[in-house]
Protein backbone atom coordinates (compact mmCIF):
# COMPACT_ATOMS: atom_id res chain seq x y z
CA UNK A 1 -5.94 6.38 9.19
CA UNK A 2 -5.00 5.49 5.72
CA UNK A 3 -6.56 4.97 2.33
CA UNK A 4 -6.09 1.42 0.75
CA UNK A 5 -7.14 -0.10 -2.45
CA UNK A 6 -9.09 -3.31 -2.10
CA UNK A 7 -6.39 -5.50 -3.49
CA UNK A 8 -4.02 -4.33 -0.70
CA UNK A 9 -6.31 -5.16 2.02
CA UNK A 10 -4.97 -7.88 4.54
CA UNK A 11 -6.65 -9.68 7.19
CA UNK A 12 -6.88 -8.12 10.65
CA UNK A 13 -6.96 -4.69 9.18
CA UNK A 14 -9.54 -2.46 10.91
CA UNK A 15 -11.98 -0.32 9.00
CA UNK A 16 -11.49 3.23 9.94
CA UNK A 17 -14.61 4.60 8.08
CA UNK A 18 -17.67 2.74 7.22
CA UNK A 19 -18.01 1.37 3.69
CA UNK A 20 -21.23 2.94 2.03
CA UNK A 21 -23.40 1.84 -0.73
CA UNK A 22 -24.39 4.05 -3.78
CA UNK A 23 -27.06 5.75 -1.59
CA UNK A 24 -24.76 6.60 1.18
CA UNK A 25 -26.21 3.89 3.54
CA UNK A 26 -23.43 2.17 5.57
CA UNK A 27 -22.97 -1.68 4.61
CA UNK A 28 -19.90 -2.41 6.68
CA UNK A 29 -19.25 -0.42 9.85
CA UNK A 30 -16.29 1.49 10.99
CA UNK A 31 -14.30 -0.63 13.47
CA UNK A 32 -14.76 -3.85 11.64
CA UNK A 33 -11.87 -6.19 11.71
CA UNK A 34 -11.33 -7.65 8.16
CA UNK A 35 -10.93 -11.37 7.59
CA UNK A 36 -10.57 -13.16 4.21
CA UNK A 37 -14.37 -13.59 3.42
CA UNK A 38 -15.00 -9.82 4.13
CA UNK A 39 -11.95 -8.81 1.97
CA UNK A 40 -13.16 -10.78 -0.79
CA UNK A 41 -16.59 -9.23 -0.48
CA UNK A 42 -15.13 -5.82 -0.55
CA UNK A 43 -13.11 -6.65 -3.61
CA UNK A 44 -16.39 -7.90 -5.39
CA UNK A 45 -17.93 -4.59 -4.73
CA UNK A 46 -15.54 -2.86 -7.18
CA UNK A 47 -14.70 -0.03 -4.46
CA UNK A 48 -11.94 2.28 -5.48
CA UNK A 49 -10.77 2.35 -1.81
CA UNK A 50 -11.45 2.06 1.75
CA UNK A 51 -9.91 3.66 4.93
CA UNK A 52 -8.32 1.48 7.64
CA UNK A 53 -6.67 2.19 11.02
CA UNK A 54 -3.02 2.87 10.87
CA UNK A 55 -0.50 5.39 9.91
CA UNK A 56 -0.30 6.37 6.34
CA UNK A 57 3.55 5.36 6.43
CA UNK A 58 2.84 1.99 8.08
CA UNK A 59 4.74 -0.52 6.32
CA UNK A 60 2.96 -3.53 7.98
CA UNK A 61 5.70 -4.32 10.26
CA UNK A 62 8.17 -5.15 7.30
CA UNK A 63 11.76 -4.05 7.54
CA UNK A 64 13.42 -1.67 5.00
CA UNK A 65 15.27 -4.60 3.48
CA UNK A 66 12.12 -6.56 3.14
CA UNK A 67 10.27 -3.61 1.39
CA UNK A 68 13.22 -3.12 -0.87
CA UNK A 69 13.30 -6.88 -1.80
CA UNK A 70 9.47 -6.73 -2.70
CA UNK A 71 10.30 -3.44 -4.79
CA UNK A 72 13.06 -5.29 -6.67
CA UNK A 73 10.91 -8.09 -7.16
CA UNK A 74 7.98 -6.23 -8.60
CA UNK A 75 10.56 -4.48 -11.19
CA UNK A 76 12.18 -7.64 -12.01
CA UNK A 77 10.60 -7.96 -15.58
CA UNK A 78 11.56 -4.43 -16.57
CA UNK A 79 15.43 -4.17 -15.99
CA UNK A 80 16.07 -3.19 -19.42
CA UNK A 81 13.52 -0.32 -19.57
CA UNK A 82 15.20 3.05 -18.53
CA UNK A 83 11.92 4.69 -17.62
CA UNK A 84 10.91 1.93 -15.38
CA UNK A 85 14.35 1.92 -13.80
CA UNK A 86 14.05 5.54 -13.05
CA UNK A 87 10.67 4.81 -11.44
CA UNK A 88 12.31 2.14 -9.45
CA UNK A 89 15.14 4.33 -8.25
CA UNK A 90 12.64 7.05 -7.31
CA UNK A 91 10.65 4.76 -5.34
CA UNK A 92 13.75 3.23 -3.59
CA UNK A 93 14.88 6.74 -2.68
CA UNK A 94 11.30 7.44 -1.28
CA UNK A 95 11.27 4.24 0.79
CA UNK A 96 14.74 5.07 2.31
CA UNK A 97 13.58 8.65 3.15
CA UNK A 98 10.49 7.46 4.75
CA UNK A 99 12.28 4.88 6.79
CA UNK A 100 14.98 7.28 7.93
CA UNK A 101 17.61 5.83 5.96
CA UNK A 102 18.39 8.78 3.43
CA UNK A 103 17.44 12.34 2.54
CA UNK A 104 14.58 12.85 0.03
CA UNK A 105 16.99 14.87 -2.11
CA UNK A 106 19.34 11.87 -2.64
CA UNK A 107 20.50 11.59 -6.29
CA UNK A 108 19.78 8.69 -8.50
CA UNK A 109 21.49 5.39 -7.94
CA UNK A 110 23.13 2.95 -10.22
CA UNK A 111 21.38 -0.31 -10.54
């Protein structure tokens, strides 16, 4: 089970815990398979997060190269910012460590 913010929800994800209203009453049951319409409704509810089935380290079936390419794309606008580049290197090291490619203690990399 993993916690996901609503903007990261994808079709075919399965709720691991029910979504409840402010009174604690369930409004979407655990086990519900999400589709685009349900995801949009959950986003409109302004929830902070929901729990879905899957491993916390699940990469959605993406390869390490695909994940790294996404990371590079997200940081493309801040290549001149040294703090953002430090964050990028740290995230890249974490990705590689969690995908069995490098040790967590790997030093900073040149970009």
